[in-house]
Structures are given as structure tokens and as C-alpha cells.
Amino acid sequence: MQSSEVVLTVPAESSYVSLVRTAASAVCSQADFTVDALDDFRLAVDEACALAIAAAPEGADLTVTFRTLGHTVEVDLLSPSATGSPIGTNTFAWTVLTALVDSVETEVTDDSLLGIRLRAHGIESVAS
């Protein structure tokens, strides 16, 4: 199985989210995601970016790392200087994230959001 890693650092501003979504599409295409799985993952990345940007102070950067292993894509959105409270798991954004990907994790230290990790599989495994 082929694996790869792509790292993208952009200002933590909404005007750069389209660049992150485009990178997500390219990475998912390399992992043979179906069109529906790719659309779901792009939307999840969009929601995760919105959460990370909302927690980031003005002038901060957002580092997005995409990892592929076969047909699985994992993305980490990190803003080391982010501040704010932990992401609520009873919000609409959280509901969207958990519905669109296989797993969602957040990393919070001292009530500061450090990162969001999304993981999805592009091709459903067939049971024998």
C-alpha cells in the first residue's frame, strides 16, 4: 500500500479554506475515494477549518497535514497558538463532522484548542 503525507500551512482565515478543500480533494483522489466519499470529506474538512479558525487568534497560521495509507485519509488541523474553549460535542458542527467521517478527535490543553483530527476510508471493504 502506498502512503504519503502533504503539509499545508495557511493563515487561519476563512479566505484560505478553499485552498485546504482543494488539497483535500487532491489527496482523496489519490486514495481512490468515491465521488460521494470525497464530497463528504471535503465538507468535513470545511467544518473542521471553521472550528479551528474560530479558535485561532488574529494572525495565527493553520497547519493542515494530510496522510494517506492505501484508501484511508487522515487530516490534522493544528493551530499551536489557538485559544478558546474546547469544542462542544453537542453542536451542529460536531454533528456534521461525526456524520461525514469515520472518526473525529480534538486535542485540547488548558482549555485551548490545539488540533482536530479527521479520518475517513474512501472505499468500503467488502466482507467475505
C-alpha atoms as a PDB file:
ATOM      1  CA  MET A   1       0.000   0.000   0.000  1.00  0.00           C
ATOM      2  CA  GLN A   2       1.221   3.425  -0.907  1.00  0.00           C
ATOM      3  CA  SER A   3       1.361   6.115   1.770  1.00  0.00           C
ATOM      4  CA  SER A   4       2.085   9.803   1.565  1.00  0.00           C
ATOM      5  CA  GLU A   5       1.989  12.991   3.591  1.00  0.00           C
ATOM      6  CA  VAL A   6       1.145  16.513   2.431  1.00  0.00           C
ATOM      7  CA  VAL A   7       1.587  19.512   4.752  1.00  0.00           C
ATOM      8  CA  LEU A   8      -0.066  22.840   4.015  1.00  0.00           C
ATOM      9  CA  THR A   9       0.283  25.956   6.174  1.00  0.00           C
ATOM     10  CA  VAL A  10      -2.102  28.846   5.556  1.00  0.00           C
ATOM     11  CA  PRO A  11      -3.206  31.890   7.526  1.00  0.00           C
ATOM     12  CA  ALA A  12      -6.082  30.989   9.859  1.00  0.00           C
ATOM     13  CA  GLU A  13      -8.574  32.981   7.795  1.00  0.00           C
ATOM     14  CA  SER A  14     -11.742  31.850   6.053  1.00  0.00           C
ATOM     15  CA  SER A  15     -10.478  33.079   2.680  1.00  0.00           C
ATOM     16  CA  TYR A  16      -7.904  30.233   2.678  1.00  0.00           C
ATOM     17  CA  VAL A  17     -10.352  27.411   3.393  1.00  0.00           C
ATOM     18  CA  SER A  18     -10.951  26.857  -0.329  1.00  0.00           C
ATOM     19  CA  LEU A  19      -7.234  26.068  -0.718  1.00  0.00           C
ATOM     20  CA  VAL A  20      -7.447  23.474   2.079  1.00  0.00           C
ATOM     21  CA  ARG A  21     -10.578  21.940   0.484  1.00  0.00           C
ATOM     22  CA  THR A  22      -8.782  21.723  -2.879  1.00  0.00           C
ATOM     23  CA  ALA A  23      -5.845  19.936  -1.252  1.00  0.00           C
ATOM     24  CA  ALA A  24      -8.300  17.560   0.464  1.00  0.00           C
ATOM     25  CA  SER A  25      -9.824  16.738  -2.930  1.00  0.00           C
ATOM     26  CA  ALA A  26      -6.442  16.017  -4.471  1.00  0.00           C
ATOM     27  CA  VAL A  27      -5.357  13.771  -1.607  1.00  0.00           C
ATOM     28  CA  CYS A  28      -8.668  11.879  -1.571  1.00  0.00           C
ATOM     29  CA  SER A  29      -8.437  11.340  -5.327  1.00  0.00           C
ATOM     30  CA  GLN A  30      -5.031   9.717  -4.841  1.00  0.00           C
ATOM     31  CA  ALA A  31      -6.603   7.413  -2.224  1.00  0.00           C
ATOM     32  CA  ASP A  32      -9.307   6.335  -4.712  1.00  0.00           C
ATOM     33  CA  PHE A  33     -12.206   7.889  -2.785  1.00  0.00           C
ATOM     34  CA  THR A  34     -15.572   7.633  -4.461  1.00  0.00           C
ATOM     35  CA  VAL A  35     -17.166  10.910  -5.529  1.00  0.00           C
ATOM     36  CA  ASP A  36     -19.582  10.755  -2.573  1.00  0.00           C
ATOM     37  CA  ALA A  37     -16.825   9.965  -0.065  1.00  0.00           C
ATOM     38  CA  LEU A  38     -14.693  12.784  -1.478  1.00  0.00           C
ATOM     39  CA  ASP A  39     -17.576  15.277  -1.164  1.00  0.00           C
ATOM     40  CA  ASP A  40     -18.257  14.160   2.414  1.00  0.00           C
ATOM     41  CA  PHE A  41     -14.600  14.509   3.371  1.00  0.00           C
ATOM     42  CA  ARG A  42     -14.303  17.948   1.780  1.00  0.00           C
ATOM     43  CA  LEU A  43     -17.350  19.142   3.704  1.00  0.00           C
ATOM     44  CA  ALA A  44     -15.913  17.720   6.945  1.00  0.00           C
ATOM     45  CA  VAL A  45     -12.598  19.491   6.290  1.00  0.00           C
ATOM     46  CA  ASP A  46     -14.540  22.708   5.695  1.00  0.00           C
ATOM     47  CA  GLU A  47     -16.349  22.360   9.052  1.00  0.00           C
ATOM     48  CA  ALA A  48     -13.125  21.487  10.880  1.00  0.00           C
ATOM     49  CA  CYS A  49     -11.385  24.520   9.372  1.00  0.00           C
ATOM     50  CA  ALA A  50     -14.226  26.757  10.526  1.00  0.00           C
ATOM     51  CA  LEU A  51     -13.871  25.435  14.084  1.00  0.00           C
ATOM     52  CA  ALA A  52     -10.081  25.800  14.093  1.00  0.00           C
ATOM     53  CA  ILE A  53     -10.207  29.313  12.618  1.00  0.00           C
ATOM     54  CA  ALA A  54     -12.801  30.398  15.179  1.00  0.00           C
ATOM     55  CA  ALA A  55     -10.439  29.287  17.970  1.00  0.00           C
ATOM     56  CA  ALA A  56      -7.338  30.913  16.465  1.00  0.00           C
ATOM     57  CA  PRO A  57      -6.167  34.386  17.442  1.00  0.00           C
ATOM     58  CA  GLU A  58      -5.712  37.041  14.776  1.00  0.00           C
ATOM     59  CA  GLY A  59      -2.576  36.485  12.706  1.00  0.00           C
ATOM     60  CA  ALA A  60      -2.262  32.780  13.533  1.00  0.00           C
ATOM     61  CA  ASP A  61      -1.474  30.088  10.998  1.00  0.00           C
ATOM     62  CA  LEU A  62      -3.328  26.841  10.411  1.00  0.00           C
ATOM     63  CA  THR A  63      -1.174  23.829   9.589  1.00  0.00           C
ATOM     64  CA  VAL A  64      -3.038  21.049   7.797  1.00  0.00           C
ATOM     65  CA  THR A  65      -1.377  17.658   7.411  1.00  0.00           C
ATOM     66  CA  PHE A  66      -2.940  15.066   5.112  1.00  0.00           C
ATOM     67  CA  ARG A  67      -1.784  11.444   5.445  1.00  0.00           C
ATOM     68  CA  THR A  68      -2.802   8.588   3.204  1.00  0.00           C
ATOM     69  CA  LEU A  69      -2.363   4.903   3.761  1.00  0.00           C
ATOM     70  CA  GLY A  70      -3.994   2.959   0.986  1.00  0.00           C
ATOM     71  CA  HIS A  71      -7.621   4.040   0.856  1.00  0.00           C
ATOM     72  CA  THR A  72      -7.572   5.832   4.213  1.00  0.00           C
ATOM     73  CA  VAL A  73      -7.003   9.560   4.599  1.00  0.00           C
ATOM     74  CA  GLU A  74      -6.269  11.267   7.891  1.00  0.00           C
ATOM     75  CA  VAL A  75      -6.063  15.028   8.281  1.00  0.00           C
ATOM     76  CA  ASP A  76      -4.740  17.019  11.243  1.00  0.00           C
ATOM     77  CA  LEU A  77      -5.606  20.691  11.551  1.00  0.00           C
ATOM     78  CA  LEU A  78      -3.275  22.365  14.023  1.00  0.00           C
ATOM     79  CA  SER A  79      -3.120  25.908  15.289  1.00  0.00           C
ATOM     80  CA  PRO A  80      -0.482  25.899  18.044  1.00  0.00           C
ATOM     81  CA  SER A  81      -1.391  29.406  19.143  1.00  0.00           C
ATOM     82  CA  ALA A  82      -5.140  28.756  19.225  1.00  0.00           C
ATOM     83  CA  THR A  83      -7.117  29.897  22.219  1.00  0.00           C
ATOM     84  CA  GLY A  84     -10.628  29.419  23.433  1.00  0.00           C
ATOM     85  CA  SER A  85     -12.770  26.745  24.935  1.00  0.00           C
ATOM     86  CA  PRO A  86     -12.977  23.091  23.899  1.00  0.00           C
ATOM     87  CA  ILE A  87     -15.237  22.246  21.003  1.00  0.00           C
ATOM     88  CA  GLY A  88     -18.699  21.328  22.184  1.00  0.00           C
ATOM     89  CA  THR A  89     -19.826  17.882  21.105  1.00  0.00           C
ATOM     90  CA  ASN A  90     -23.492  18.921  21.183  1.00  0.00           C
ATOM     91  CA  THR A  91     -23.179  21.461  18.353  1.00  0.00           C
ATOM     92  CA  PHE A  92     -24.375  21.281  14.769  1.00  0.00           C
ATOM     93  CA  ALA A  93     -20.772  21.472  13.513  1.00  0.00           C
ATOM     94  CA  TRP A  94     -19.787  18.447  15.621  1.00  0.00           C
ATOM     95  CA  THR A  95     -22.821  16.514  14.364  1.00  0.00           C
ATOM     96  CA  VAL A  96     -21.818  17.269  10.768  1.00  0.00           C
ATOM     97  CA  LEU A  97     -18.222  16.215  11.387  1.00  0.00           C
ATOM     98  CA  THR A  98     -19.108  12.903  13.007  1.00  0.00           C
ATOM     99  CA  ALA A  99     -21.645  12.091  10.299  1.00  0.00           C
ATOM    100  CA  LEU A 100     -19.246  12.691   7.406  1.00  0.00           C
ATOM    101  CA  VAL A 101     -16.070  10.875   8.507  1.00  0.00           C
ATOM    102  CA  ASP A 102     -15.159   7.666  10.311  1.00  0.00           C
ATOM    103  CA  SER A 103     -13.643   9.409  13.328  1.00  0.00           C
ATOM    104  CA  VAL A 104     -13.139  12.890  14.758  1.00  0.00           C
ATOM    105  CA  GLU A 105     -10.777  13.734  17.607  1.00  0.00           C
ATOM    106  CA  THR A 106      -9.773  17.008  19.193  1.00  0.00           C
ATOM    107  CA  GLU A 107      -6.717  17.892  21.212  1.00  0.00           C
ATOM    108  CA  VAL A 108      -7.258  20.474  23.939  1.00  0.00           C
ATOM    109  CA  THR A 109      -4.770  21.677  26.542  1.00  0.00           C
ATOM    110  CA  ASP A 110      -5.575  24.211  29.263  1.00  0.00           C
ATOM    111  CA  ASP A 111      -8.894  25.000  27.562  1.00  0.00           C
ATOM    112  CA  SER A 112      -7.083  25.803  24.303  1.00  0.00           C
ATOM    113  CA  LEU A 113      -7.863  24.016  21.064  1.00  0.00           C
ATOM    114  CA  LEU A 114      -4.650  22.637  19.612  1.00  0.00           C
ATOM    115  CA  GLY A 115      -5.961  20.468  16.832  1.00  0.00           C
ATOM    116  CA  ILE A 116      -8.654  18.452  15.126  1.00  0.00           C
ATOM    117  CA  ARG A 117      -8.051  15.046  13.509  1.00  0.00           C
ATOM    118  CA  LEU A 118     -10.388  13.553  10.905  1.00  0.00           C
ATOM    119  CA  ARG A 119     -10.100  10.041   9.479  1.00  0.00           C
ATOM    120  CA  ALA A 120     -12.037   8.503   6.582  1.00  0.00           C
ATOM    121  CA  HIS A 121     -11.883   5.465   4.322  1.00  0.00           C
ATOM    122  CA  GLY A 122     -12.529   6.001   0.648  1.00  0.00           C
ATOM    123  CA  ILE A 123     -13.575   2.516  -0.397  1.00  0.00           C
ATOM    124  CA  GLU A 124     -15.786   0.354   1.758  1.00  0.00           C
ATOM    125  CA  SER A 125     -14.268  -3.017   2.496  1.00  0.00           C
ATOM    126  CA  VAL A 126     -16.303  -5.951   1.281  1.00  0.00           C
ATOM    127  CA  ALA A 127     -16.984  -8.699   3.829  1.00  0.00           C
ATOM    128  CA  SER A 128     -16.240 -12.185   2.568  1.00  0.00           C
END
